[in-house]
Amino acid sequence: MNAQSGLTMHNYKQDGLFAAIVVGFVTSSLSTGFRFWARRRTVKVWRRDDWFMLAGLLWSWGVIAAILHGLTVGLGEEAFTTDHDKLWLPRTNSAMLMFQNWGVFCVKASILFFNMNLFKGRISTKFVWTVFGITFINSFTGFFIAFLQEIAACPRADKQCFGESKFVVPLTTGIISTLCDIVIYIMPIPILVRLGVNRRTKLGLCCVFLLGLLCIATSFARWAAMLQNHPKDDVTMPSSIGISLWTFVELSAGITCGNLPVLAPMFGCVGPRRGRGTELRKNLSVAAKDRNALTFAPLFHWKRYRVECFVGASGQRCKHNASGSATASH
């Protein structure tokens, strides 16, 4: 009876894992595809943040492949009940962690470069590059430890070959990654709050950027899965369905949320729409009077022009130039 109950629970977890993979794959792939379409439709050029996001998507597909292969070699099964080769599961787990670390790095780099290009002169370039460097070192450390300690698979079914480092290192890099997430997603908010636009547009912009904080919730869930999988004995295999599930969900959610600021005008919550010329001119006039305001129409490169506000002999004026970003000089 206990064996049957355990098998039912294992199948239930597998179904949940498959559902998460399908949903994450569809949302991340579609949002990335729409991102490239939107950029091509507006500024006619793909930027480095777009390519980094595409690289993150490809790494997430590698995570999917590693998880699906893990299910064929005993992922989530007990050491005493599985008939699979004990060498392949650590290798699969290693591949998943290596793909995940580089995928997370590419997604964070894409968001950082997007913010840096969007808010030129208003977010410290040195600060952005500092966060970028910390993210790179953290991701490379996670990748290198996974490669060094796990790719030469332990011949034993327990965890004694790698000891506590097998759990401490991924958990530590995960915590550092989450702290970087908080900084990256909150970074644009002070600037958005000072935008010279109406309250509805300002609230919509802040919500779009703060949706990235949902990734932090998935990070906490991944921590919980890793702590729950910490060995209390020498029976459990060195990987679990819970860790695999939240590892992919965290990455796919980061890709989807990272694409939303570029796609925001598609949903009509921000930016000019057809029939809103009067409101657009009004907001540009407000932006001209606010020295700290960015313009609202070109904010996401949705229009191929920018508005530059400056102070001359006759007072503060604005002019339109063909461009894909918004800048202001006073």
C-alpha atoms as a PDB file:
ATOM      1  CA  MET A   1       0.000   0.000   0.000  1.00  0.00           C
ATOM      2  CA  ASN A   2       2.823   2.373   0.905  1.00  0.00           C
ATOM      3  CA  ALA A   3       4.644   1.543  -2.331  1.00  0.00           C
ATOM      4  CA  GLN A   4       1.480   2.195  -4.341  1.00  0.00           C
ATOM      5  CA  SER A   5       0.919   5.501  -2.542  1.00  0.00           C
ATOM      6  CA  GLY A   6       4.506   6.540  -3.206  1.00  0.00           C
ATOM      7  CA  LEU A   7       4.149   5.697  -6.892  1.00  0.00           C
ATOM      8  CA  THR A   8       0.938   7.737  -7.124  1.00  0.00           C
ATOM      9  CA  MET A   9       2.629  10.734  -5.499  1.00  0.00           C
ATOM     10  CA  HIS A  10       5.598  10.390  -7.839  1.00  0.00           C
ATOM     11  CA  ASN A  11       3.296  10.376 -10.880  1.00  0.00           C
ATOM     12  CA  TYR A  12       1.442  13.404  -9.498  1.00  0.00           C
ATOM     13  CA  LYS A  13       4.720  15.320  -9.161  1.00  0.00           C
ATOM     14  CA  GLN A  14       5.706  14.343 -12.683  1.00  0.00           C
ATOM     15  CA  ASP A  15       2.397  15.667 -14.031  1.00  0.00           C
ATOM     16  CA  GLY A  16       3.000  18.962 -12.235  1.00  0.00           C
ATOM     17  CA  LEU A  17       6.501  19.144 -13.682  1.00  0.00           C
ATOM     18  CA  PHE A  18       5.228  18.541 -17.229  1.00  0.00           C
ATOM     19  CA  ALA A  19       2.552  21.226 -16.795  1.00  0.00           C
ATOM     20  CA  ALA A  20       5.123  23.747 -15.547  1.00  0.00           C
ATOM     21  CA  ILE A  21       7.428  22.967 -18.471  1.00  0.00           C
ATOM     22  CA  VAL A  22       4.653  23.431 -21.042  1.00  0.00           C
ATOM     23  CA  VAL A  23       3.395  26.703 -19.549  1.00  0.00           C
ATOM     24  CA  GLY A  24       6.892  28.110 -19.029  1.00  0.00           C
ATOM     25  CA  PHE A  25       8.037  27.091 -22.495  1.00  0.00           C
ATOM     26  CA  VAL A  26       5.030  28.662 -24.218  1.00  0.00           C
ATOM     27  CA  THR A  27       5.041  31.952 -22.279  1.00  0.00           C
ATOM     28  CA  SER A  28       8.794  32.525 -22.453  1.00  0.00           C
ATOM     29  CA  SER A  29       9.050  31.592 -26.133  1.00  0.00           C
ATOM     30  CA  LEU A  30       6.046  33.659 -27.226  1.00  0.00           C
ATOM     31  CA  SER A  31       7.068  36.720 -25.218  1.00  0.00           C
ATOM     32  CA  THR A  32      10.586  36.577 -26.673  1.00  0.00           C
ATOM     33  CA  GLY A  33       9.220  36.194 -30.190  1.00  0.00           C
ATOM     34  CA  PHE A  34       6.907  39.185 -29.716  1.00  0.00           C
ATOM     35  CA  ARG A  35       9.834  41.145 -28.291  1.00  0.00           C
ATOM     36  CA  PHE A  36      11.816  40.696 -31.510  1.00  0.00           C
ATOM     37  CA  TRP A  37       8.747  41.463 -33.606  1.00  0.00           C
ATOM     38  CA  ALA A  38       8.072  44.675 -31.658  1.00  0.00           C
ATOM     39  CA  ARG A  39      11.649  45.886 -32.016  1.00  0.00           C
ATOM     40  CA  ARG A  40      11.690  45.074 -35.712  1.00  0.00           C
ATOM     41  CA  ARG A  41       8.404  46.904 -36.206  1.00  0.00           C
ATOM     42  CA  THR A  42       9.533  50.054 -34.419  1.00  0.00           C
ATOM     43  CA  VAL A  43      13.257  50.809 -34.418  1.00  0.00           C
ATOM     44  CA  LYS A  44      14.165  48.364 -37.214  1.00  0.00           C
ATOM     45  CA  VAL A  45      17.113  47.052 -35.237  1.00  0.00           C
ATOM     46  CA  TRP A  46      17.700  44.406 -32.589  1.00  0.00           C
ATOM     47  CA  ARG A  47      19.756  45.525 -29.629  1.00  0.00           C
ATOM     48  CA  ARG A  48      22.156  43.671 -27.367  1.00  0.00           C
ATOM     49  CA  ASP A  49      19.494  43.269 -24.664  1.00  0.00           C
ATOM     50  CA  ASP A  50      17.347  41.418 -27.219  1.00  0.00           C
ATOM     51  CA  TRP A  51      20.173  39.031 -28.081  1.00  0.00           C
ATOM     52  CA  PHE A  52      20.922  38.381 -24.407  1.00  0.00           C
ATOM     53  CA  MET A  53      17.264  37.538 -23.832  1.00  0.00           C
ATOM     54  CA  LEU A  54      17.300  35.171 -26.810  1.00  0.00           C
ATOM     55  CA  ALA A  55      20.400  33.475 -25.368  1.00  0.00           C
ATOM     56  CA  GLY A  56      18.607  33.107 -22.032  1.00  0.00           C
ATOM     57  CA  LEU A  57      15.677  31.474 -23.821  1.00  0.00           C
ATOM     58  CA  LEU A  58      17.983  28.979 -25.548  1.00  0.00           C
ATOM     59  CA  TRP A  59      19.626  28.101 -22.226  1.00  0.00           C
ATOM     60  CA  SER A  60      16.155  27.518 -20.756  1.00  0.00           C
ATOM     61  CA  TRP A  61      15.511  24.998 -23.522  1.00  0.00           C
ATOM     62  CA  GLY A  62      18.684  23.250 -22.387  1.00  0.00           C
ATOM     63  CA  VAL A  63      17.239  23.095 -18.868  1.00  0.00           C
ATOM     64  CA  ILE A  64      14.095  21.484 -20.298  1.00  0.00           C
ATOM     65  CA  ALA A  65      16.164  18.883 -22.145  1.00  0.00           C
ATOM     66  CA  ALA A  66      18.129  18.067 -18.979  1.00  0.00           C
ATOM     67  CA  ILE A  67      14.956  17.682 -16.911  1.00  0.00           C
ATOM     68  CA  LEU A  68      13.253  15.469 -19.484  1.00  0.00           C
ATOM     69  CA  HIS A  69      16.349  13.290 -19.699  1.00  0.00           C
ATOM     70  CA  GLY A  70      16.454  13.133 -15.907  1.00  0.00           C
ATOM     71  CA  LEU A  71      12.962  11.683 -15.839  1.00  0.00           C
ATOM     72  CA  THR A  72      14.225   8.774 -17.935  1.00  0.00           C
ATOM     73  CA  VAL A  73      17.072   7.966 -15.533  1.00  0.00           C
ATOM     74  CA  GLY A  74      15.286   8.063 -12.193  1.00  0.00           C
ATOM     75  CA  LEU A  75      14.691  11.721 -11.313  1.00  0.00           C
ATOM     76  CA  GLY A  76      12.823  11.842  -8.009  1.00  0.00           C
ATOM     77  CA  GLU A  77      12.923   8.100  -7.369  1.00  0.00           C
ATOM     78  CA  GLU A  78      14.367   6.473  -4.280  1.00  0.00           C
ATOM     79  CA  ALA A  79      17.780   4.822  -4.444  1.00  0.00           C
ATOM     80  CA  PHE A  80      16.376   1.511  -3.240  1.00  0.00           C
ATOM     81  CA  THR A  81      13.564   1.382  -5.798  1.00  0.00           C
ATOM     82  CA  THR A  82      15.112   2.745  -8.985  1.00  0.00           C
ATOM     83  CA  ASP A  83      16.609   0.404 -11.565  1.00  0.00           C
ATOM     84  CA  HIS A  84      18.410   3.133 -13.499  1.00  0.00           C
ATOM     85  CA  ASP A  85      22.132   3.689 -13.830  1.00  0.00           C
ATOM     86  CA  LYS A  86      23.211   5.779 -10.824  1.00  0.00           C
ATOM     87  CA  LEU A  87      25.819   7.588 -12.931  1.00  0.00           C
ATOM     88  CA  TRP A  88      23.402   9.354 -15.250  1.00  0.00           C
ATOM     89  CA  LEU A  89      21.261  11.217 -12.733  1.00  0.00           C
ATOM     90  CA  PRO A  90      24.127  13.305 -11.259  1.00  0.00           C
ATOM     91  CA  ARG A  91      25.266  14.096 -14.788  1.00  0.00           C
ATOM     92  CA  THR A  92      21.790  15.236 -15.749  1.00  0.00           C
ATOM     93  CA  ASN A  93      21.503  17.324 -12.592  1.00  0.00           C
ATOM     94  CA  SER A  94      24.882  18.859 -13.412  1.00  0.00           C
ATOM     95  CA  ALA A  95      23.763  19.802 -16.922  1.00  0.00           C
ATOM     96  CA  MET A  96      20.565  21.368 -15.585  1.00  0.00           C
ATOM     97  CA  LEU A  97      22.487  23.543 -13.112  1.00  0.00           C
ATOM     98  CA  MET A  98      25.039  24.624 -15.710  1.00  0.00           C
ATOM     99  CA  PHE A  99      22.341  25.600 -18.218  1.00  0.00           C
ATOM    100  CA  GLN A 100      20.359  27.371 -15.506  1.00  0.00           C
ATOM    101  CA  ASN A 101      23.289  29.491 -14.326  1.00  0.00           C
ATOM    102  CA  TRP A 102      24.083  30.805 -17.795  1.00  0.00           C
ATOM    103  CA  GLY A 103      20.401  31.301 -18.578  1.00  0.00           C
ATOM    104  CA  VAL A 104      19.921  33.410 -15.450  1.00  0.00           C
ATOM    105  CA  PHE A 105      22.999  35.463 -16.315  1.00  0.00           C
ATOM    106  CA  CYS A 106      21.748  36.209 -19.840  1.00  0.00           C
ATOM    107  CA  VAL A 107      18.300  37.239 -18.608  1.00  0.00           C
ATOM    108  CA  LYS A 108      19.714  39.575 -15.958  1.00  0.00           C
ATOM    109  CA  ALA A 109      22.175  41.061 -18.451  1.00  0.00           C
ATOM    110  CA  SER A 110      19.319  41.734 -20.879  1.00  0.00           C
ATOM    111  CA  ILE A 111      17.296  43.578 -18.241  1.00  0.00           C
ATOM    112  CA  LEU A 112      20.327  45.580 -17.090  1.00  0.00           C
ATOM    113  CA  PHE A 113      21.238  46.694 -20.605  1.00  0.00           C
ATOM    114  CA  PHE A 114      17.609  47.546 -21.352  1.00  0.00           C
ATOM    115  CA  ASN A 115      17.413  49.775 -18.272  1.00  0.00           C
ATOM    116  CA  MET A 116      20.766  51.368 -19.047  1.00  0.00           C
ATOM    117  CA  ASN A 117      19.728  52.207 -22.628  1.00  0.00           C
ATOM    118  CA  LEU A 118      16.273  53.353 -21.592  1.00  0.00           C
ATOM    119  CA  PHE A 119      17.257  55.705 -18.789  1.00  0.00           C
ATOM    120  CA  LYS A 120      20.445  57.140 -20.228  1.00  0.00           C
ATOM    121  CA  GLY A 121      22.161  59.400 -17.739  1.00  0.00           C
ATOM    122  CA  ARG A 122      19.607  58.673 -15.015  1.00  0.00           C
ATOM    123  CA  ILE A 123      20.896  55.309 -13.876  1.00  0.00           C
ATOM    124  CA  SER A 124      24.569  55.270 -12.996  1.00  0.00           C
ATOM    125  CA  THR A 125      26.474  53.315 -15.616  1.00  0.00           C
ATOM    126  CA  LYS A 126      29.034  52.296 -13.004  1.00  0.00           C
ATOM    127  CA  PHE A 127      26.271  50.932 -10.795  1.00  0.00           C
ATOM    128  CA  VAL A 128      24.805  48.901 -13.662  1.00  0.00           C
ATOM    129  CA  TRP A 129      28.200  47.453 -14.568  1.00  0.00           C
ATOM    130  CA  THR A 130      28.829  46.604 -10.905  1.00  0.00           C
ATOM    131  CA  VAL A 131      25.602  44.591 -10.725  1.00  0.00           C
ATOM    132  CA  PHE A 132      26.493  43.030 -14.080  1.00  0.00           C
ATOM    133  CA  GLY A 133      29.915  41.973 -12.750  1.00  0.00           C
ATOM    134  CA  ILE A 134      28.455  40.468  -9.575  1.00  0.00           C
ATOM    135  CA  THR A 135      25.887  38.569 -11.645  1.00  0.00           C
ATOM    136  CA  PHE A 136      28.559  37.227 -13.988  1.00  0.00           C
ATOM    137  CA  ILE A 137      30.849  36.084 -11.159  1.00  0.00           C
ATOM    138  CA  ASN A 138      27.947  34.449  -9.331  1.00  0.00           C
ATOM    139  CA  SER A 139      26.714  32.629 -12.449  1.00  0.00           C
ATOM    140  CA  PHE A 140      30.198  31.517 -13.442  1.00  0.00           C
ATOM    141  CA  THR A 141      30.817  30.209  -9.917  1.00  0.00           C
ATOM    142  CA  GLY A 142      27.618  28.167 -10.014  1.00  0.00           C
ATOM    143  CA  PHE A 143      28.472  26.834 -13.465  1.00  0.00           C
ATOM    144  CA  PHE A 144      32.059  25.961 -12.540  1.00  0.00           C
ATOM    145  CA  ILE A 145      31.135  24.206  -9.294  1.00  0.00           C
ATOM    146  CA  ALA A 146      28.440  22.187 -11.074  1.00  0.00           C
ATOM    147  CA  PHE A 147      30.925  21.191 -13.765  1.00  0.00           C
ATOM    148  CA  LEU A 148      33.801  20.444 -11.402  1.00  0.00           C
ATOM    149  CA  GLN A 149      31.941  18.528  -8.710  1.00  0.00           C
ATOM    150  CA  GLU A 150      29.150  16.832 -10.608  1.00  0.00           C
ATOM    151  CA  ILE A 151      30.169  16.162 -14.190  1.00  0.00           C
ATOM    152  CA  ALA A 152      32.584  13.475 -12.977  1.00  0.00           C
ATOM    153  CA  ALA A 153      29.610  11.541 -11.657  1.00  0.00           C
ATOM    154  CA  CYS A 154      29.871   9.900  -8.283  1.00  0.00           C
ATOM    155  CA  PRO A 155      29.692   6.104  -8.563  1.00  0.00           C
ATOM    156  CA  ARG A 156      27.599   5.945  -5.402  1.00  0.00           C
ATOM    157  CA  ALA A 157      23.858   6.452  -5.207  1.00  0.00           C
ATOM    158  CA  ASP A 158      24.129   8.546  -2.033  1.00  0.00           C
ATOM    159  CA  LYS A 159      25.565  12.040  -1.689  1.00  0.00           C
ATOM    160  CA  GLN A 160      28.771  11.243   0.146  1.00  0.00           C
ATOM    161  CA  CYS A 161      31.054  11.902  -2.841  1.00  0.00           C
ATOM    162  CA  PHE A 162      30.367  15.632  -2.825  1.00  0.00           C
ATOM    163  CA  GLY A 163      29.299  16.260   0.738  1.00  0.00           C
ATOM    164  CA  GLU A 164      27.600  19.457   1.862  1.00  0.00           C
ATOM    165  CA  SER A 165      29.081  21.543  -0.957  1.00  0.00           C
ATOM    166  CA  LYS A 166      26.616  19.937  -3.372  1.00  0.00           C
ATOM    167  CA  PHE A 167      23.828  21.777  -1.539  1.00  0.00           C
ATOM    168  CA  VAL A 168      25.583  24.788  -0.018  1.00  0.00           C
ATOM    169  CA  VAL A 169      27.019  26.159  -3.285  1.00  0.00           C
ATOM    170  CA  PRO A 170      23.771  26.154  -5.349  1.00  0.00           C
ATOM    171  CA  LEU A 171      21.852  27.589  -2.396  1.00  0.00           C
ATOM    172  CA  THR A 172      24.445  30.329  -1.851  1.00  0.00           C
ATOM    173  CA  THR A 173      24.545  31.323  -5.514  1.00  0.00           C
ATOM    174  CA  GLY A 174      20.740  31.277  -5.523  1.00  0.00           C
ATOM    175  CA  ILE A 175      20.588  33.706  -2.595  1.00  0.00           C
ATOM    176  CA  ILE A 176      23.063  36.087  -4.246  1.00  0.00           C
ATOM    177  CA  SER A 177      21.104  35.848  -7.489  1.00  0.00           C
ATOM    178  CA  THR A 178      17.874  36.766  -5.699  1.00  0.00           C
ATOM    179  CA  LEU A 179      19.485  39.811  -4.078  1.00  0.00           C
ATOM    180  CA  CYS A 180      20.617  40.955  -7.530  1.00  0.00           C
ATOM    181  CA  ASP A 181      17.059  40.404  -8.786  1.00  0.00           C
ATOM    182  CA  ILE A 182      15.684  42.752  -6.144  1.00  0.00           C
ATOM    183  CA  VAL A 183      18.162  45.470  -7.109  1.00  0.00           C
ATOM    184  CA  ILE A 184      17.562  45.052 -10.851  1.00  0.00           C
ATOM    185  CA  TYR A 185      13.765  45.131 -10.690  1.00  0.00           C
ATOM    186  CA  ILE A 186      13.557  48.065  -8.257  1.00  0.00           C
ATOM    187  CA  MET A 187      16.236  50.119 -10.056  1.00  0.00           C
ATOM    188  CA  PRO A 188      13.892  51.906 -12.548  1.00  0.00           C
ATOM    189  CA  ILE A 189      11.071  52.656 -10.084  1.00  0.00           C
ATOM    190  CA  PRO A 190      12.385  55.993  -8.678  1.00  0.00           C
ATOM    191  CA  ILE A 191      12.748  57.277 -12.245  1.00  0.00           C
ATOM    192  CA  LEU A 192       9.301  56.077 -13.292  1.00  0.00           C
ATOM    193  CA  VAL A 193       7.727  57.780 -10.276  1.00  0.00           C
ATOM    194  CA  ARG A 194       9.082  61.140 -11.493  1.00  0.00           C
ATOM    195  CA  LEU A 195       7.758  60.769 -15.034  1.00  0.00           C
ATOM    196  CA  GLY A 196       5.762  63.715 -16.357  1.00  0.00           C
ATOM    197  CA  VAL A 197       2.744  61.604 -17.334  1.00  0.00           C
ATOM    198  CA  ASN A 198      -0.720  61.035 -15.937  1.00  0.00           C
ATOM    199  CA  ARG A 199      -1.210  58.836 -12.909  1.00  0.00           C
ATOM    200  CA  ARG A 200      -2.737  55.945 -14.869  1.00  0.00           C
ATOM    201  CA  THR A 201       0.225  55.688 -17.222  1.00  0.00           C
ATOM    202  CA  LYS A 202       2.714  56.067 -14.394  1.00  0.00           C
ATOM    203  CA  LEU A 203       1.004  53.315 -12.383  1.00  0.00           C
ATOM    204  CA  GLY A 204       0.919  51.060 -15.432  1.00  0.00           C
ATOM    205  CA  LEU A 205       4.631  51.528 -16.038  1.00  0.00           C
ATOM    206  CA  CYS A 206       5.545  50.800 -12.425  1.00  0.00           C
ATOM    207  CA  CYS A 207       3.381  47.666 -12.391  1.00  0.00           C
ATOM    208  CA  VAL A 208       4.977  46.382 -15.600  1.00  0.00           C
ATOM    209  CA  PHE A 209       8.457  46.746 -14.152  1.00  0.00           C
ATOM    210  CA  LEU A 210       7.512  45.419 -10.694  1.00  0.00           C
ATOM    211  CA  LEU A 211       6.020  42.244 -12.185  1.00  0.00           C
ATOM    212  CA  GLY A 212       9.598  41.019 -12.236  1.00  0.00           C
ATOM    213  CA  LEU A 213       9.387  40.714  -8.469  1.00  0.00           C
ATOM    214  CA  LEU A 214       7.262  37.601  -9.057  1.00  0.00           C
ATOM    215  CA  CYS A 215      10.509  35.873  -9.988  1.00  0.00           C
ATOM    216  CA  ILE A 216      11.685  36.388  -6.424  1.00  0.00           C
ATOM    217  CA  ALA A 217       8.727  34.341  -5.160  1.00  0.00           C
ATOM    218  CA  THR A 218       9.800  31.472  -7.413  1.00  0.00           C
ATOM    219  CA  SER A 219      13.343  31.842  -6.070  1.00  0.00           C
ATOM    220  CA  PHE A 220      12.068  31.379  -2.516  1.00  0.00           C
ATOM    221  CA  ALA A 221      10.158  28.281  -3.634  1.00  0.00           C
ATOM    222  CA  ARG A 222      13.370  26.916  -5.145  1.00  0.00           C
ATOM    223  CA  TRP A 223      15.223  27.548  -1.894  1.00  0.00           C
ATOM    224  CA  ALA A 224      12.530  25.643  -0.007  1.00  0.00           C
ATOM    225  CA  ALA A 225      12.804  22.706  -2.416  1.00  0.00           C
ATOM    226  CA  MET A 226      16.588  22.620  -2.024  1.00  0.00           C
ATOM    227  CA  LEU A 227      16.387  22.733   1.769  1.00  0.00           C
ATOM    228  CA  GLN A 228      13.702  20.041   1.774  1.00  0.00           C
ATOM    229  CA  ASN A 229      15.901  17.846  -0.391  1.00  0.00           C
ATOM    230  CA  HIS A 230      18.837  18.193   1.986  1.00  0.00           C
ATOM    231  CA  PRO A 231      19.805  14.639   2.961  1.00  0.00           C
ATOM    232  CA  LYS A 232      18.709  13.384   6.352  1.00  0.00           C
ATOM    233  CA  ASP A 233      19.920   9.914   5.392  1.00  0.00           C
ATOM    234  CA  ASP A 234      21.766   8.205   2.554  1.00  0.00           C
ATOM    235  CA  VAL A 235      18.739   7.023   0.608  1.00  0.00           C
ATOM    236  CA  THR A 236      17.431   9.938  -1.450  1.00  0.00           C
ATOM    237  CA  MET A 237      18.877  10.473  -4.901  1.00  0.00           C
ATOM    238  CA  PRO A 238      20.891  13.701  -5.391  1.00  0.00           C
ATOM    239  CA  SER A 239      18.104  15.447  -7.260  1.00  0.00           C
ATOM    240  CA  SER A 240      14.373  15.961  -6.920  1.00  0.00           C
ATOM    241  CA  ILE A 241      11.390  16.875  -9.031  1.00  0.00           C
ATOM    242  CA  GLY A 242      10.717  19.906  -6.820  1.00  0.00           C
ATOM    243  CA  ILE A 243      14.151  21.420  -7.440  1.00  0.00           C
ATOM    244  CA  SER A 244      13.900  20.773 -11.172  1.00  0.00           C
ATOM    245  CA  LEU A 245      10.418  22.278 -11.341  1.00  0.00           C
ATOM    246  CA  TRP A 246      11.255  25.519  -9.546  1.00  0.00           C
ATOM    247  CA  THR A 247      14.603  25.831 -11.321  1.00  0.00           C
ATOM    248  CA  PHE A 248      12.828  26.007 -14.675  1.00  0.00           C
ATOM    249  CA  VAL A 249       9.887  28.070 -13.412  1.00  0.00           C
ATOM    250  CA  GLU A 250      12.291  30.666 -12.008  1.00  0.00           C
ATOM    251  CA  LEU A 251      14.128  30.958 -15.322  1.00  0.00           C
ATOM    252  CA  SER A 252      11.033  31.021 -17.551  1.00  0.00           C
ATOM    253  CA  ALA A 253       9.344  33.596 -15.301  1.00  0.00           C
ATOM    254  CA  GLY A 254      12.441  35.787 -15.504  1.00  0.00           C
ATOM    255  CA  ILE A 255      12.376  35.644 -19.305  1.00  0.00           C
ATOM    256  CA  THR A 256       8.671  36.460 -19.506  1.00  0.00           C
ATOM    257  CA  CYS A 257       8.826  39.321 -16.999  1.00  0.00           C
ATOM    258  CA  GLY A 258      11.970  40.685 -18.639  1.00  0.00           C
ATOM    259  CA  ASN A 259      10.122  40.917 -21.956  1.00  0.00           C
ATOM    260  CA  LEU A 260       7.066  42.713 -20.587  1.00  0.00           C
ATOM    261  CA  PRO A 261       8.510  46.273 -20.517  1.00  0.00           C
ATOM    262  CA  VAL A 262       9.258  46.014 -24.240  1.00  0.00           C
ATOM    263  CA  LEU A 263       5.769  44.665 -24.945  1.00  0.00           C
ATOM    264  CA  ALA A 264       3.871  47.066 -22.671  1.00  0.00           C
ATOM    265  CA  PRO A 265       2.560  49.315 -25.490  1.00  0.00           C
ATOM    266  CA  MET A 266       1.026  46.260 -27.196  1.00  0.00           C
ATOM    267  CA  PHE A 267      -1.429  45.941 -24.319  1.00  0.00           C
ATOM    268  CA  GLY A 268      -2.479  49.594 -24.475  1.00  0.00           C
ATOM    269  CA  CYS A 269      -1.689  50.280 -20.827  1.00  0.00           C
ATOM    270  CA  VAL A 270       1.079  52.744 -21.674  1.00  0.00           C
ATOM    271  CA  GLY A 271       2.179  54.736 -24.669  1.00  0.00           C
ATOM    272  CA  PRO A 272       0.093  56.490 -27.317  1.00  0.00           C
ATOM    273  CA  ARG A 273      -2.715  54.686 -29.071  1.00  0.00           C
ATOM    274  CA  ARG A 274      -4.802  55.581 -32.083  1.00  0.00           C
ATOM    275  CA  GLY A 275      -7.082  58.477 -31.355  1.00  0.00           C
ATOM    276  CA  ARG A 276      -5.041  59.747 -28.440  1.00  0.00           C
ATOM    277  CA  GLY A 277      -3.126  62.524 -30.208  1.00  0.00           C
ATOM    278  CA  THR A 278      -4.514  65.203 -27.885  1.00  0.00           C
ATOM    279  CA  GLU A 279      -3.482  63.268 -24.802  1.00  0.00           C
ATOM    280  CA  LEU A 280      -0.047  62.625 -26.295  1.00  0.00           C
ATOM    281  CA  ARG A 281       0.522  66.334 -26.914  1.00  0.00           C
ATOM    282  CA  LYS A 282      -0.654  67.093 -23.399  1.00  0.00           C
ATOM    283  CA  ASN A 283       1.776  64.614 -21.867  1.00  0.00           C
ATOM    284  CA  LEU A 284       4.650  65.923 -23.976  1.00  0.00           C
ATOM    285  CA  SER A 285       3.809  69.416 -22.762  1.00  0.00           C
ATOM    286  CA  VAL A 286       3.895  68.200 -19.166  1.00  0.00           C
ATOM    287  CA  ALA A 287       7.209  66.473 -19.822  1.00  0.00           C
ATOM    288  CA  ALA A 288       8.634  69.719 -21.187  1.00  0.00           C
ATOM    289  CA  LYS A 289       7.880  71.466 -17.903  1.00  0.00           C
ATOM    290  CA  ASP A 290       9.338  68.709 -15.711  1.00  0.00           C
ATOM    291  CA  ARG A 291      13.099  68.720 -15.626  1.00  0.00           C
ATOM    292  CA  ASN A 292      13.203  65.201 -14.170  1.00  0.00           C
ATOM    293  CA  ALA A 293      10.659  63.726 -16.582  1.00  0.00           C
ATOM    294  CA  LEU A 294      11.319  61.368 -19.419  1.00  0.00           C
ATOM    295  CA  THR A 295       8.977  61.482 -22.359  1.00  0.00           C
ATOM    296  CA  PHE A 296       6.256  58.911 -22.335  1.00  0.00           C
ATOM    297  CA  ALA A 297       5.695  58.030 -25.992  1.00  0.00           C
ATOM    298  CA  PRO A 298       9.204  56.832 -26.937  1.00  0.00           C
ATOM    299  CA  LEU A 299       9.828  55.234 -23.539  1.00  0.00           C
ATOM    300  CA  PHE A 300       9.897  51.678 -24.859  1.00  0.00           C
ATOM    301  CA  HIS A 301      11.248  52.477 -28.327  1.00  0.00           C
ATOM    302  CA  TRP A 302       7.641  52.129 -29.545  1.00  0.00           C
ATOM    303  CA  LYS A 303       7.911  55.300 -31.624  1.00  0.00           C
ATOM    304  CA  ARG A 304      10.815  56.096 -33.886  1.00  0.00           C
ATOM    305  CA  TYR A 305      11.409  59.527 -32.490  1.00  0.00           C
ATOM    306  CA  ARG A 306      12.471  61.136 -29.272  1.00  0.00           C
ATOM    307  CA  VAL A 307      11.748  64.406 -27.591  1.00  0.00           C
ATOM    308  CA  GLU A 308      14.620  66.484 -26.330  1.00  0.00           C
ATOM    309  CA  CYS A 309      13.756  69.248 -23.906  1.00  0.00           C
ATOM    310  CA  PHE A 310      16.168  72.079 -23.381  1.00  0.00           C
ATOM    311  CA  VAL A 311      16.300  75.573 -21.945  1.00  0.00           C
ATOM    312  CA  GLY A 312      17.058  78.370 -24.386  1.00  0.00           C
ATOM    313  CA  ALA A 313      16.775  82.128 -24.453  1.00  0.00           C
ATOM    314  CA  SER A 314      13.045  81.893 -25.003  1.00  0.00           C
ATOM    315  CA  GLY A 315      12.519  79.338 -22.264  1.00  0.00           C
ATOM    316  CA  GLN A 316      12.230  75.573 -22.161  1.00  0.00           C
ATOM    317  CA  ARG A 317      11.415  73.957 -25.492  1.00  0.00           C
ATOM    318  CA  CYS A 318      11.147  70.456 -26.937  1.00  0.00           C
ATOM    319  CA  LYS A 319      12.105  69.129 -30.323  1.00  0.00           C
ATOM    320  CA  HIS A 320      11.485  65.805 -32.068  1.00  0.00           C
ATOM    321  CA  ASN A 321      14.308  63.734 -33.529  1.00  0.00           C
ATOM    322  CA  ALA A 322      14.301  60.330 -35.203  1.00  0.00           C
ATOM    323  CA  SER A 323      15.568  57.896 -32.617  1.00  0.00           C
ATOM    324  CA  GLY A 324      14.655  54.882 -30.587  1.00  0.00           C
ATOM    325  CA  SER A 325      15.206  56.258 -27.112  1.00  0.00           C
ATOM    326  CA  ALA A 326      14.244  59.248 -25.043  1.00  0.00           C
ATOM    327  CA  THR A 327      16.734  61.703 -23.649  1.00  0.00           C
ATOM    328  CA  ALA A 328      16.403  65.084 -22.063  1.00  0.00           C
ATOM    329  CA  SER A 329      18.873  67.883 -21.622  1.00  0.00           C
ATOM    330  CA  HIS A 330      18.337  70.919 -19.525  1.00  0.00           C
END
